[in-house]
C-alpha atoms as a PDB file:
ATOM      1  CA  MET A   1     -31.050 -39.735 -18.539  1.00  0.00           C
ATOM      2  CA  ARG A   2     -30.812 -36.459 -20.062  1.00  0.00           C
ATOM      3  CA  ARG A   3     -31.647 -34.978 -16.852  1.00  0.00           C
ATOM      4  CA  TYR A   4     -29.411 -36.904 -15.266  1.00  0.00           C
ATOM      5  CA  ALA A   5     -26.354 -35.716 -17.594  1.00  0.00           C
ATOM      6  CA  VAL A   6     -27.284 -32.016 -17.108  1.00  0.00           C
ATOM      7  CA  ILE A   7     -27.064 -32.703 -13.023  1.00  0.00           C
ATOM      8  CA  VAL A   8     -23.646 -33.755 -13.987  1.00  0.00           C
ATOM      9  CA  SER A   9     -23.048 -31.627 -15.979  1.00  0.00           C
ATOM     10  CA  SER A  10     -24.065 -28.608 -13.499  1.00  0.00           C
ATOM     11  CA  ILE A  11     -22.300 -30.125 -11.059  1.00  0.00           C
ATOM     12  CA  LEU A  12     -18.760 -30.751 -13.049  1.00  0.00           C
ATOM     13  CA  LEU A  13     -18.769 -26.804 -13.643  1.00  0.00           C
ATOM     14  CA  ILE A  14     -19.167 -25.632 -10.261  1.00  0.00           C
ATOM     15  CA  ALA A  15     -16.656 -28.364  -9.680  1.00  0.00           C
ATOM     16  CA  ILE A  16     -14.635 -26.133 -12.237  1.00  0.00           C
ATOM     17  CA  ALA A  17     -15.374 -22.571 -11.222  1.00  0.00           C
ATOM     18  CA  ALA A  18     -14.711 -23.614  -7.639  1.00  0.00           C
ATOM     19  CA  VAL A  19     -10.830 -24.909  -8.874  1.00  0.00           C
ATOM     20  CA  ALA A  20     -10.900 -21.861 -10.742  1.00  0.00           C
ATOM     21  CA  GLN A  21     -11.421 -19.707  -8.051  1.00  0.00           C
ATOM     22  CA  ALA A  22      -9.160 -21.382  -5.490  1.00  0.00           C
ATOM     23  CA  ALA A  23      -6.410 -21.224  -8.870  1.00  0.00           C
ATOM     24  CA  ASP A  24      -6.909 -17.210  -8.796  1.00  0.00           C
ATOM     25  CA  PRO A  25      -3.132 -15.562  -8.276  1.00  0.00           C
ATOM     26  CA  TRP A  26      -4.565 -13.383  -5.355  1.00  0.00           C
ATOM     27  CA  LEU A  27      -6.372 -13.321  -2.035  1.00  0.00           C
ATOM     28  CA  VAL A  28      -9.547 -12.212  -1.321  1.00  0.00           C
ATOM     29  CA  PHE A  29     -10.624 -11.914   2.542  1.00  0.00           C
ATOM     30  CA  PRO A  30     -13.849 -11.240   3.202  1.00  0.00           C
ATOM     31  CA  GLY A  31     -15.031  -8.820   5.093  1.00  0.00           C
ATOM     32  CA  GLY A  32     -16.401  -8.837   9.043  1.00  0.00           C
ATOM     33  CA  GLU A  33     -18.526  -6.898  11.368  1.00  0.00           C
ATOM     34  CA  GLY A  34     -17.236  -3.179  11.244  1.00  0.00           C
ATOM     35  CA  PRO A  35     -17.855   0.095   9.923  1.00  0.00           C
ATOM     36  CA  GLY A  36     -15.581  -0.787   6.454  1.00  0.00           C
ATOM     37  CA  ALA A  37     -18.557  -3.619   6.424  1.00  0.00           C
ATOM     38  CA  GLY A  38     -19.254  -3.343   2.625  1.00  0.00           C
ATOM     39  CA  LYS A  39     -16.511  -1.286   1.324  1.00  0.00           C
ATOM     40  CA  HIS A  40     -14.148  -3.068  -0.878  1.00  0.00           C
ATOM     41  CA  VAL A  41     -10.151  -2.158  -0.262  1.00  0.00           C
ATOM     42  CA  VAL A  42      -7.572  -3.693  -3.425  1.00  0.00           C
ATOM     43  CA  LEU A  43      -4.362  -3.678  -2.177  1.00  0.00           C
ATOM     44  CA  ILE A  44      -1.608  -4.041  -4.719  1.00  0.00           C
ATOM     45  CA  SER A  45       1.908  -5.073  -3.926  1.00  0.00           C
ATOM     46  CA  GLY A  46       5.203  -5.313  -6.155  1.00  0.00           C
ATOM     47  CA  ASP A  47       8.749  -4.311  -5.037  1.00  0.00           C
ATOM     48  CA  GLU A  48      11.913  -6.026  -5.115  1.00  0.00           C
ATOM     49  CA  GLU A  49      12.607  -4.707  -1.988  1.00  0.00           C
ATOM     50  CA  TYR A  50      10.648  -3.663   0.874  1.00  0.00           C
ATOM     51  CA  ARG A  51       8.367  -7.269   1.090  1.00  0.00           C
ATOM     52  CA  SER A  52       5.256  -5.813   0.190  1.00  0.00           C
ATOM     53  CA  GLU A  53       4.120  -9.177  -0.310  1.00  0.00           C
ATOM     54  CA  GLU A  54       3.915  -9.604   3.044  1.00  0.00           C
ATOM     55  CA  ALA A  55       2.887  -6.335   4.302  1.00  0.00           C
ATOM     56  CA  LEU A  56      -0.229  -6.224   2.425  1.00  0.00           C
ATOM     57  CA  PRO A  57      -1.793  -9.330   3.288  1.00  0.00           C
ATOM     58  CA  GLN A  58      -1.351  -8.558   6.828  1.00  0.00           C
ATOM     59  CA  LEU A  59      -2.628  -5.355   6.451  1.00  0.00           C
ATOM     60  CA  ALA A  60      -5.828  -6.807   4.464  1.00  0.00           C
ATOM     61  CA  ARG A  61      -6.251  -9.297   7.589  1.00  0.00           C
ATOM     62  CA  ILE A  62      -6.649  -6.403   9.973  1.00  0.00           C
ATOM     63  CA  LEU A  63      -9.011  -4.589   7.980  1.00  0.00           C
ATOM     64  CA  ALA A  64     -11.015  -7.687   7.418  1.00  0.00           C
ATOM     65  CA  LYS A  65     -11.380  -8.919  10.770  1.00  0.00           C
ATOM     66  CA  HIS A  66     -10.926  -6.271  12.502  1.00  0.00           C
ATOM     67  CA  HIS A  67     -12.887  -3.292  10.949  1.00  0.00           C
ATOM     68  CA  GLY A  68     -14.921  -5.378   8.544  1.00  0.00           C
ATOM     69  CA  PHE A  69     -13.753  -3.998   5.022  1.00  0.00           C
ATOM     70  CA  LYS A  70     -13.454  -6.806   2.215  1.00  0.00           C
ATOM     71  CA  CYS A  71     -10.023  -6.977   0.770  1.00  0.00           C
ATOM     72  CA  THR A  72      -8.492  -7.792  -2.050  1.00  0.00           C
ATOM     73  CA  VAL A  73      -4.624  -8.670  -2.096  1.00  0.00           C
ATOM     74  CA  LEU A  74      -2.588  -8.912  -5.564  1.00  0.00           C
ATOM     75  CA  PHE A  75       1.398  -9.628  -6.125  1.00  0.00           C
ATOM     76  CA  ALA A  76       3.557  -9.425  -8.830  1.00  0.00           C
ATOM     77  CA  ILE A  77       3.348 -13.188 -10.523  1.00  0.00           C
ATOM     78  CA  ASP A  78       5.628 -15.298 -12.325  1.00  0.00           C
ATOM     79  CA  PRO A  79       3.565 -16.215 -15.354  1.00  0.00           C
ATOM     80  CA  LYS A  80       5.067 -19.831 -15.989  1.00  0.00           C
ATOM     81  CA  SER A  81       4.793 -20.740 -12.496  1.00  0.00           C
ATOM     82  CA  GLY A  82       2.230 -19.129 -10.709  1.00  0.00           C
ATOM     83  CA  TYR A  83       4.351 -17.970  -7.633  1.00  0.00           C
ATOM     84  CA  VAL A  84       4.180 -14.738  -6.418  1.00  0.00           C
ATOM     85  CA  ALA A  85       7.791 -12.923  -7.525  1.00  0.00           C
ATOM     86  CA  PRO A  86       8.167  -9.777  -7.114  1.00  0.00           C
ATOM     87  CA  ASN A  87      11.140  -9.526  -9.568  1.00  0.00           C
ATOM     88  CA  ILE A  88       8.812  -9.771 -12.449  1.00  0.00           C
ATOM     89  CA  SER A  89       7.983  -6.257 -13.170  1.00  0.00           C
ATOM     90  CA  ASP A  90       5.127  -6.430 -15.788  1.00  0.00           C
ATOM     91  CA  ASN A  91       2.374  -8.626 -14.491  1.00  0.00           C
ATOM     92  CA  ILE A  92       0.302  -7.749 -11.684  1.00  0.00           C
ATOM     93  CA  PRO A  93      -2.896 -10.196 -12.334  1.00  0.00           C
ATOM     94  CA  GLY A  94      -6.629  -9.516 -10.793  1.00  0.00           C
ATOM     95  CA  LEU A  95      -6.352  -5.313 -11.482  1.00  0.00           C
ATOM     96  CA  ALA A  96      -9.809  -5.814 -12.878  1.00  0.00           C
ATOM     97  CA  ALA A  97     -10.682  -5.883  -9.111  1.00  0.00           C
ATOM     98  CA  LEU A  98     -10.011  -1.831  -9.022  1.00  0.00           C
ATOM     99  CA  ASP A  99     -13.197  -1.535 -11.328  1.00  0.00           C
ATOM    100  CA  LYS A 100     -15.437  -1.756  -8.555  1.00  0.00           C
ATOM    101  CA  ALA A 101     -13.172  -1.006  -5.630  1.00  0.00           C
ATOM    102  CA  ASP A 102     -13.765   1.711  -2.798  1.00  0.00           C
ATOM    103  CA  LEU A 103     -10.320   2.302  -2.009  1.00  0.00           C
ATOM    104  CA  MET A 104      -6.666   1.219  -3.833  1.00  0.00           C
ATOM    105  CA  ILE A 105      -3.602   0.664  -1.494  1.00  0.00           C
ATOM    106  CA  ILE A 106      -0.543   0.832  -3.848  1.00  0.00           C
ATOM    107  CA  ALA A 107       2.663  -0.542  -2.314  1.00  0.00           C
ATOM    108  CA  THR A 108       4.555  -1.432  -6.105  1.00  0.00           C
ATOM    109  CA  ARG A 109       8.356  -0.549  -7.442  1.00  0.00           C
ATOM    110  CA  PHE A 110       8.921   0.391 -11.028  1.00  0.00           C
ATOM    111  CA  ARG A 111       6.870  -1.906 -12.401  1.00  0.00           C
ATOM    112  CA  ASN A 112       6.692  -2.029 -15.825  1.00  0.00           C
ATOM    113  CA  LEU A 113       2.598  -3.222 -16.534  1.00  0.00           C
ATOM    114  CA  THR A 114       1.345  -3.553 -19.859  1.00  0.00           C
ATOM    115  CA  ASP A 115      -1.560  -1.266 -21.033  1.00  0.00           C
ATOM    116  CA  ASN A 116      -4.123  -3.778 -20.488  1.00  0.00           C
ATOM    117  CA  GLN A 117      -3.230  -3.701 -16.597  1.00  0.00           C
ATOM    118  CA  MET A 118      -1.895  -0.259 -16.437  1.00  0.00           C
ATOM    119  CA  GLU A 119      -5.375   0.929 -17.681  1.00  0.00           C
ATOM    120  CA  HIS A 120      -7.501  -0.558 -14.440  1.00  0.00           C
ATOM    121  CA  ILE A 121      -5.160   1.708 -12.288  1.00  0.00           C
ATOM    122  CA  VAL A 122      -5.427   4.882 -14.490  1.00  0.00           C
ATOM    123  CA  LYS A 123      -9.032   4.418 -14.772  1.00  0.00           C
ATOM    124  CA  TYR A 124      -9.548   4.681 -10.849  1.00  0.00           C
ATOM    125  CA  VAL A 125      -6.798   7.605 -10.428  1.00  0.00           C
ATOM    126  CA  GLU A 126      -8.841   9.036 -12.878  1.00  0.00           C
ATOM    127  CA  SER A 127     -12.437   8.551 -11.301  1.00  0.00           C
ATOM    128  CA  GLY A 128     -11.664  10.610  -7.833  1.00  0.00           C
ATOM    129  CA  ARG A 129     -11.551   7.572  -5.512  1.00  0.00           C
ATOM    130  CA  PRO A 130      -9.159   7.670  -2.675  1.00  0.00           C
ATOM    131  CA  ILE A 131      -5.287   6.796  -2.953  1.00  0.00           C
ATOM    132  CA  ILE A 132      -3.157   5.169  -0.190  1.00  0.00           C
ATOM    133  CA  GLY A 133       0.209   5.043  -1.277  1.00  0.00           C
ATOM    134  CA  MET A 134       3.373   2.820   0.516  1.00  0.00           C
ATOM    135  CA  ARG A 135       6.683   3.440   0.698  1.00  0.00           C
ATOM    136  CA  THR A 136       7.756   2.602  -2.884  1.00  0.00           C
ATOM    137  CA  ALA A 137       4.838   3.687  -4.571  1.00  0.00           C
ATOM    138  CA  THR A 138       6.389   7.325  -4.657  1.00  0.00           C
ATOM    139  CA  HIS A 139       8.340   5.514  -7.407  1.00  0.00           C
ATOM    140  CA  ALA A 140       5.320   2.720  -8.262  1.00  0.00           C
ATOM    141  CA  PHE A 141       5.981   2.532 -12.269  1.00  0.00           C
ATOM    142  CA  LYS A 142       8.809   2.974 -14.798  1.00  0.00           C
ATOM    143  CA  LEU A 143       6.791   2.179 -18.239  1.00  0.00           C
ATOM    144  CA  THR A 144       8.513   1.116 -21.626  1.00  0.00           C
ATOM    145  CA  SER A 145       4.933   1.946 -23.499  1.00  0.00           C
ATOM    146  CA  PRO A 146       4.228   5.191 -24.492  1.00  0.00           C
ATOM    147  CA  THR A 147       0.271   4.672 -23.665  1.00  0.00           C
ATOM    148  CA  TYR A 148       0.206   5.865 -19.882  1.00  0.00           C
ATOM    149  CA  ASP A 149       4.067   7.621 -19.996  1.00  0.00           C
ATOM    150  CA  GLN A 150       2.996   9.907 -17.418  1.00  0.00           C
ATOM    151  CA  TYR A 151       2.549   7.476 -14.729  1.00  0.00           C
ATOM    152  CA  GLY A 152       6.443   6.689 -15.191  1.00  0.00           C
ATOM    153  CA  TYR A 153       8.844   7.787 -12.768  1.00  0.00           C
ATOM    154  CA  ASN A 154      11.111   9.175 -15.589  1.00  0.00           C
ATOM    155  CA  SER A 155       8.116  10.890 -17.329  1.00  0.00           C
ATOM    156  CA  GLU A 156       8.610  14.010 -19.469  1.00  0.00           C
ATOM    157  CA  GLU A 157       5.050  14.461 -19.741  1.00  0.00           C
ATOM    158  CA  TRP A 158       4.406  15.204 -15.917  1.00  0.00           C
ATOM    159  CA  ASP A 159       6.597  16.093 -13.445  1.00  0.00           C
ATOM    160  CA  GLY A 160       7.827  13.087 -11.423  1.00  0.00           C
ATOM    161  CA  GLY A 161       5.032  10.697 -12.578  1.00  0.00           C
ATOM    162  CA  PHE A 162       2.000   9.574 -10.702  1.00  0.00           C
ATOM    163  CA  GLY A 163       4.544   9.752  -7.458  1.00  0.00           C
ATOM    164  CA  ARG A 164       4.724  13.310  -7.549  1.00  0.00           C
ATOM    165  CA  GLN A 165       1.377  14.249  -9.503  1.00  0.00           C
ATOM    166  CA  VAL A 166      -0.750  12.057  -7.653  1.00  0.00           C
ATOM    167  CA  LEU A 167       0.621  10.791  -4.045  1.00  0.00           C
ATOM    168  CA  GLY A 168       2.806  14.255  -3.014  1.00  0.00           C
ATOM    169  CA  GLU A 169       6.175  13.081  -4.035  1.00  0.00           C
ATOM    170  CA  THR A 170       8.861  10.722  -6.361  1.00  0.00           C
ATOM    171  CA  TRP A 171      11.543   9.213  -5.122  1.00  0.00           C
ATOM    172  CA  VAL A 172      14.132  11.522  -4.412  1.00  0.00           C
ATOM    173  CA  SER A 173      16.921  10.062  -1.924  1.00  0.00           C
ATOM    174  CA  HIS A 174      17.438   8.200   0.670  1.00  0.00           C
ATOM    175  CA  HIS A 175      17.787  10.823   3.609  1.00  0.00           C
ATOM    176  CA  GLY A 176      18.539   8.569   6.545  1.00  0.00           C
ATOM    177  CA  LYS A 177      21.034   6.020   5.636  1.00  0.00           C
ATOM    178  CA  HIS A 178      19.898   2.720   4.898  1.00  0.00           C
ATOM    179  CA  GLY A 179      19.958  -0.388   6.599  1.00  0.00           C
ATOM    180  CA  THR A 180      21.532   1.557   9.808  1.00  0.00           C
ATOM    181  CA  GLN A 181      19.430   4.241  10.613  1.00  0.00           C
ATOM    182  CA  SER A 182      15.438   3.712  11.475  1.00  0.00           C
ATOM    183  CA  THR A 183      12.553   6.141  11.704  1.00  0.00           C
ATOM    184  CA  ARG A 184      10.656   7.376  14.659  1.00  0.00           C
ATOM    185  CA  GLY A 185       7.283   9.402  13.713  1.00  0.00           C
ATOM    186  CA  LEU A 186       6.687  12.790  15.444  1.00  0.00           C
ATOM    187  CA  VAL A 187       3.136  14.165  15.154  1.00  0.00           C
ATOM    188  CA  VAL A 188       3.126  17.465  12.832  1.00  0.00           C
ATOM    189  CA  PRO A 189       2.739  20.119  15.109  1.00  0.00           C
ATOM    190  CA  GLY A 190      -1.039  21.490  15.120  1.00  0.00           C
ATOM    191  CA  MET A 191      -2.249  18.210  13.199  1.00  0.00           C
ATOM    192  CA  ALA A 192      -2.269  16.117  16.366  1.00  0.00           C
ATOM    193  CA  SER A 193      -6.530  16.434  16.167  1.00  0.00           C
ATOM    194  CA  HIS A 194      -6.670  14.996  12.286  1.00  0.00           C
ATOM    195  CA  PRO A 195      -8.073  11.595  12.566  1.00  0.00           C
ATOM    196  CA  ILE A 196      -5.606   9.745  10.723  1.00  0.00           C
ATOM    197  CA  LEU A 197      -3.643  10.467  13.858  1.00  0.00           C
ATOM    198  CA  ARG A 198      -6.581   9.699  16.171  1.00  0.00           C
ATOM    199  CA  GLY A 199      -4.686   6.701  18.749  1.00  0.00           C
ATOM    200  CA  LEU A 200      -0.907   8.183  18.356  1.00  0.00           C
ATOM    201  CA  LYS A 201       1.703  10.579  19.586  1.00  0.00           C
ATOM    202  CA  ASP A 202       4.777  11.011  19.006  1.00  0.00           C
ATOM    203  CA  GLY A 203       7.349   8.340  19.144  1.00  0.00           C
ATOM    204  CA  ASP A 204       4.355   5.643  18.555  1.00  0.00           C
ATOM    205  CA  ILE A 205       5.491   5.156  14.692  1.00  0.00           C
ATOM    206  CA  TRP A 206       8.921   3.516  14.231  1.00  0.00           C
ATOM    207  CA  GLY A 207      10.000   1.839  11.011  1.00  0.00           C
ATOM    208  CA  PRO A 208      13.805   0.111  10.772  1.00  0.00           C
ATOM    209  CA  THR A 209      13.381   1.761   7.121  1.00  0.00           C
ATOM    210  CA  ASP A 210      15.043   4.746   6.823  1.00  0.00           C
ATOM    211  CA  VAL A 211      13.930   8.227   6.065  1.00  0.00           C
ATOM    212  CA  TYR A 212      13.168   9.448   2.596  1.00  0.00           C
ATOM    213  CA  GLY A 213      14.016  12.852   1.140  1.00  0.00           C
ATOM    214  CA  VAL A 214      11.605  15.022  -0.149  1.00  0.00           C
ATOM    215  CA  ARG A 215      11.307  18.437  -1.688  1.00  0.00           C
ATOM    216  CA  LEU A 216       9.743  21.070   0.307  1.00  0.00           C
ATOM    217  CA  PRO A 217       7.388  22.621   0.062  1.00  0.00           C
ATOM    218  CA  LEU A 218       5.283  19.579  -0.952  1.00  0.00           C
ATOM    219  CA  PRO A 219       3.076  20.193  -3.763  1.00  0.00           C
ATOM    220  CA  GLY A 220      -0.459  21.636  -4.723  1.00  0.00           C
ATOM    221  CA  ASP A 221      -2.324  21.246  -0.528  1.00  0.00           C
ATOM    222  CA  SER A 222      -0.543  18.484   0.578  1.00  0.00           C
ATOM    223  CA  GLN A 223      -0.517  18.759   4.323  1.00  0.00           C
ATOM    224  CA  PRO A 224       2.248  16.913   6.050  1.00  0.00           C
ATOM    225  CA  LEU A 225       0.773  15.116   9.107  1.00  0.00           C
ATOM    226  CA  VAL A 226       3.776  12.943  10.674  1.00  0.00           C
ATOM    227  CA  LEU A 227       7.558  13.785  10.751  1.00  0.00           C
ATOM    228  CA  GLY A 228      10.702  11.596  10.362  1.00  0.00           C
ATOM    229  CA  GLN A 229      13.301  11.894  12.741  1.00  0.00           C
ATOM    230  CA  ILE A 230      16.234  10.139  12.051  1.00  0.00           C
ATOM    231  CA  LEU A 231      17.845   7.750  14.935  1.00  0.00           C
ATOM    232  CA  THR A 232      21.240   6.532  15.027  1.00  0.00           C
ATOM    233  CA  GLY A 233      20.645   3.213  15.357  1.00  0.00           C
ATOM    234  CA  MET A 234      17.952   0.414  14.614  1.00  0.00           C
ATOM    235  CA  LYS A 235      15.724   0.127  17.364  1.00  0.00           C
ATOM    236  CA  PRO A 236      12.974   2.700  18.258  1.00  0.00           C
ATOM    237  CA  THR A 237      14.883   3.768  21.691  1.00  0.00           C
ATOM    238  CA  ASP A 238      17.960   4.981  19.709  1.00  0.00           C
ATOM    239  CA  PRO A 239      18.598   8.619  20.246  1.00  0.00           C
ATOM    240  CA  ALA A 240      18.105  11.251  18.002  1.00  0.00           C
ATOM    241  CA  LEU A 241      20.481  11.884  15.025  1.00  0.00           C
ATOM    242  CA  ASP A 242      22.137  15.270  15.704  1.00  0.00           C
ATOM    243  CA  GLY A 243      22.745  17.610  12.917  1.00  0.00           C
ATOM    244  CA  GLU A 244      21.239  19.191   9.591  1.00  0.00           C
ATOM    245  CA  LYS A 245      19.464  15.868   8.852  1.00  0.00           C
ATOM    246  CA  ASN A 246      17.167  16.397  11.505  1.00  0.00           C
ATOM    247  CA  SER A 247      16.495  20.056  11.069  1.00  0.00           C
ATOM    248  CA  PRO A 248      14.149  20.291   9.068  1.00  0.00           C
ATOM    249  CA  MET A 249      13.052  16.837   9.044  1.00  0.00           C
ATOM    250  CA  MET A 250      11.305  15.684   6.200  1.00  0.00           C
ATOM    251  CA  PRO A 251       7.531  14.247   6.369  1.00  0.00           C
ATOM    252  CA  VAL A 252       7.435  10.528   6.471  1.00  0.00           C
ATOM    253  CA  ALA A 253       3.340  10.633   6.120  1.00  0.00           C
ATOM    254  CA  TRP A 254       0.719  12.856   4.557  1.00  0.00           C
ATOM    255  CA  ILE A 255      -2.400  13.908   2.968  1.00  0.00           C
ATOM    256  CA  LYS A 256      -3.363  15.518  -0.233  1.00  0.00           C
ATOM    257  CA  SER A 257      -5.793  15.797  -3.013  1.00  0.00           C
ATOM    258  CA  PHE A 258      -5.799  14.441  -6.795  1.00  0.00           C
ATOM    259  CA  GLN A 259      -8.505  15.634  -9.438  1.00  0.00           C
ATOM    260  CA  GLY A 260      -8.423  13.733 -12.375  1.00  0.00           C
ATOM    261  CA  ALA A 261     -10.637  13.293 -15.261  1.00  0.00           C
ATOM    262  CA  SER A 262     -13.917  12.700 -13.098  1.00  0.00           C
ATOM    263  CA  GLY A 263     -13.471  16.212 -12.181  1.00  0.00           C
ATOM    264  CA  GLU A 264     -13.692  14.682  -8.820  1.00  0.00           C
ATOM    265  CA  LYS A 265     -11.232  15.103  -6.243  1.00  0.00           C
ATOM    266  CA  SER A 266      -9.470  12.099  -5.189  1.00  0.00           C
ATOM    267  CA  ARG A 267      -8.458  11.798  -1.001  1.00  0.00           C
ATOM    268  CA  VAL A 268      -4.581  10.853  -1.011  1.00  0.00           C
ATOM    269  CA  PHE A 269      -2.388   9.685   1.744  1.00  0.00           C
ATOM    270  CA  THR A 270       0.688   8.727   1.706  1.00  0.00           C
ATOM    271  CA  THR A 271       3.523   7.492   3.452  1.00  0.00           C
ATOM    272  CA  THR A 272       7.286   7.186   3.029  1.00  0.00           C
ATOM    273  CA  MET A 273       6.988   4.004   5.946  1.00  0.00           C
ATOM    274  CA  GLY A 274       5.882   0.659   5.023  1.00  0.00           C
ATOM    275  CA  SER A 275       8.225  -2.068   4.865  1.00  0.00           C
ATOM    276  CA  SER A 276       6.988  -5.419   6.031  1.00  0.00           C
ATOM    277  CA  THR A 277       9.038  -4.867   9.267  1.00  0.00           C
ATOM    278  CA  ASP A 278       7.227  -1.367   9.947  1.00  0.00           C
ATOM    279  CA  LEU A 279       4.324  -2.863  10.388  1.00  0.00           C
ATOM    280  CA  VAL A 280       5.796  -4.942  13.002  1.00  0.00           C
ATOM    281  CA  SER A 281       5.383  -1.764  14.828  1.00  0.00           C
ATOM    282  CA  GLU A 282       1.619  -1.166  16.089  1.00  0.00           C
ATOM    283  CA  GLY A 283       1.639   2.724  15.594  1.00  0.00           C
ATOM    284  CA  VAL A 284       2.230   1.983  11.670  1.00  0.00           C
ATOM    285  CA  ARG A 285      -0.694  -0.303  11.633  1.00  0.00           C
ATOM    286  CA  ARG A 286      -2.356   1.801  13.612  1.00  0.00           C
ATOM    287  CA  LEU A 287      -1.562   5.473  11.096  1.00  0.00           C
ATOM    288  CA  LEU A 288      -2.783   3.114   8.263  1.00  0.00           C
ATOM    289  CA  VAL A 289      -5.807   1.573   9.548  1.00  0.00           C
ATOM    290  CA  ASN A 290      -6.662   5.125  10.231  1.00  0.00           C
ATOM    291  CA  ALA A 291      -5.948   6.185   6.552  1.00  0.00           C
ATOM    292  CA  CYS A 292      -8.101   3.638   5.259  1.00  0.00           C
ATOM    293  CA  TYR A 293     -11.166   5.317   7.268  1.00  0.00           C
ATOM    294  CA  TRP A 294     -10.419   8.654   6.416  1.00  0.00           C
ATOM    295  CA  GLY A 295      -9.823   7.538   2.821  1.00  0.00           C
ATOM    296  CA  VAL A 296     -13.465   5.961   2.255  1.00  0.00           C
ATOM    297  CA  GLY A 297     -14.826   8.885   4.039  1.00  0.00           C
ATOM    298  CA  LEU A 298     -15.568   6.947   7.716  1.00  0.00           C
ATOM    299  CA  GLU A 299     -13.074   9.561   9.342  1.00  0.00           C
ATOM    300  CA  GLU A 300     -15.882   9.622  12.383  1.00  0.00           C
ATOM    301  CA  LYS A 301     -16.071   6.327  12.679  1.00  0.00           C
ATOM    302  CA  ILE A 302     -12.275   6.243  13.702  1.00  0.00           C
ATOM    303  CA  PRO A 303     -12.049   4.396  17.101  1.00  0.00           C
ATOM    304  CA  PRO A 304     -10.306   6.343  19.640  1.00  0.00           C
ATOM    305  CA  HIS A 305      -7.778   3.165  19.660  1.00  0.00           C
ATOM    306  CA  SER A 306      -8.792   1.427  16.390  1.00  0.00           C
ATOM    307  CA  LYS A 307      -7.691  -2.132  16.553  1.00  0.00           C
ATOM    308  CA  VAL A 308      -5.171  -3.278  15.135  1.00  0.00           C
ATOM    309  CA  ASP A 309      -3.708  -6.729  16.536  1.00  0.00           C
ATOM    310  CA  ILE A 310      -1.410  -8.868  14.051  1.00  0.00           C
ATOM    311  CA  VAL A 311      -4.167 -11.158  12.594  1.00  0.00           C
ATOM    312  CA  GLY A 312      -2.167 -15.161  12.079  1.00  0.00           C
ATOM    313  CA  VAL A 313       1.433 -15.460  11.422  1.00  0.00           C
ATOM    314  CA  TYR A 314       3.429 -12.465  10.678  1.00  0.00           C
ATOM    315  CA  GLU A 315       6.973 -12.886  11.046  1.00  0.00           C
ATOM    316  CA  PRO A 316       7.796 -10.547   8.096  1.00  0.00           C
ATOM    317  CA  HIS A 317      11.810 -11.180   6.286  1.00  0.00           C
ATOM    318  CA  PRO A 318      14.231  -8.041   6.235  1.00  0.00           C
ATOM    319  CA  PHE A 319      14.319  -5.314   3.760  1.00  0.00           C
ATOM    320  CA  LYS A 320      16.700  -6.698   1.232  1.00  0.00           C
ATOM    321  CA  PHE A 321      16.544  -6.570  -3.089  1.00  0.00           C
ATOM    322  CA  ASN A 322      16.289 -11.187  -3.562  1.00  0.00           C
ATOM    323  CA  GLY A 323      14.959 -11.887  -0.062  1.00  0.00           C
ATOM    324  CA  ALA A 324      11.360 -12.767  -1.442  1.00  0.00           C
ATOM    325  CA  VAL A 325      10.190 -16.501  -0.302  1.00  0.00           C
ATOM    326  CA  LYS A 326      10.478 -17.787  -2.798  1.00  0.00           C
ATOM    327  CA  ASN A 327       8.161 -20.888  -4.932  1.00  0.00           C
ATOM    328  CA  GLN A 328       5.293 -20.231  -3.099  1.00  0.00           C
ATOM    329  CA  LEU A 329       1.734 -19.177  -4.476  1.00  0.00           C
ATOM    330  CA  PRO A 330      -0.175 -16.502  -2.791  1.00  0.00           C
ATOM    331  CA  GLU A 331      -2.367 -18.536  -0.376  1.00  0.00           C
ATOM    332  CA  TYR A 332       1.085 -18.742   1.526  1.00  0.00           C
ATOM    333  CA  PHE A 333       0.858 -15.286   2.321  1.00  0.00           C
ATOM    334  CA  ALA A 334      -2.768 -16.030   3.964  1.00  0.00           C
ATOM    335  CA  ARG A 335      -1.296 -17.580   6.870  1.00  0.00           C
END
């Protein structure tokens, strides 16, 4: 009888564990076959406007299915309902996954995370492991706690906070007109042979988001890879805007290093593109996938034309504030 009770108890524990795992407020895409097998990528969403909660699950599916990376996608979560809620700025559960991650991809905006959650991000950044920042990651944090004040957009300790010090620039301006002038990517002269640009040429990269302004030159050892040509409209075939806005053009993708407390130098890739609608562009997807390979030191494995086909259903919503799909658990974004 006792043995029966132990067996029943064991079954119940397994069932409870399975339910708890299913209820985790994040997504995990197990890696398949490919050069990325054995590497774990943690993708952190959390912005109110550019639908990172849609873009990052799609990027994760591409990395997992086509390239073998295990991917964990984290979300801003309403702690009361458990729903994905980009307007909740102080809660991104699951950041402990960074402790053993091989690559962090971050696409947050003005997050005011608790010290306990920020601690995982800070430890990762200081460890010397690679970092990819997308779009609003240039202004990823706006913290009220003094503990990690230097990471905040409004930091007095670090000029430009995490954005400028780690990624290479913080929020400066909309250089193109927001919502009416899209972006065509042009390869920086002399950089076409860089592995992140493998399989890409002028015009392959396009997105409906506008070009962000940056301060030139970018700091430290930053090296621009892609320039953002402002177009007159919202189609990839629209002509370039005449005048000083495109002279000089702002970089929209660059690489740099960051040396943290560990003494190790991180490989850092930043793009001010990366809304969910930007990922409709095959060139944007290829740029990001290639950057992941480069970040983890697999640049020699980047194919001549990396596979970036959409996986599953991908119907991104237009970028705008309060435009997120409401009342959905993370599993909704795994379709």
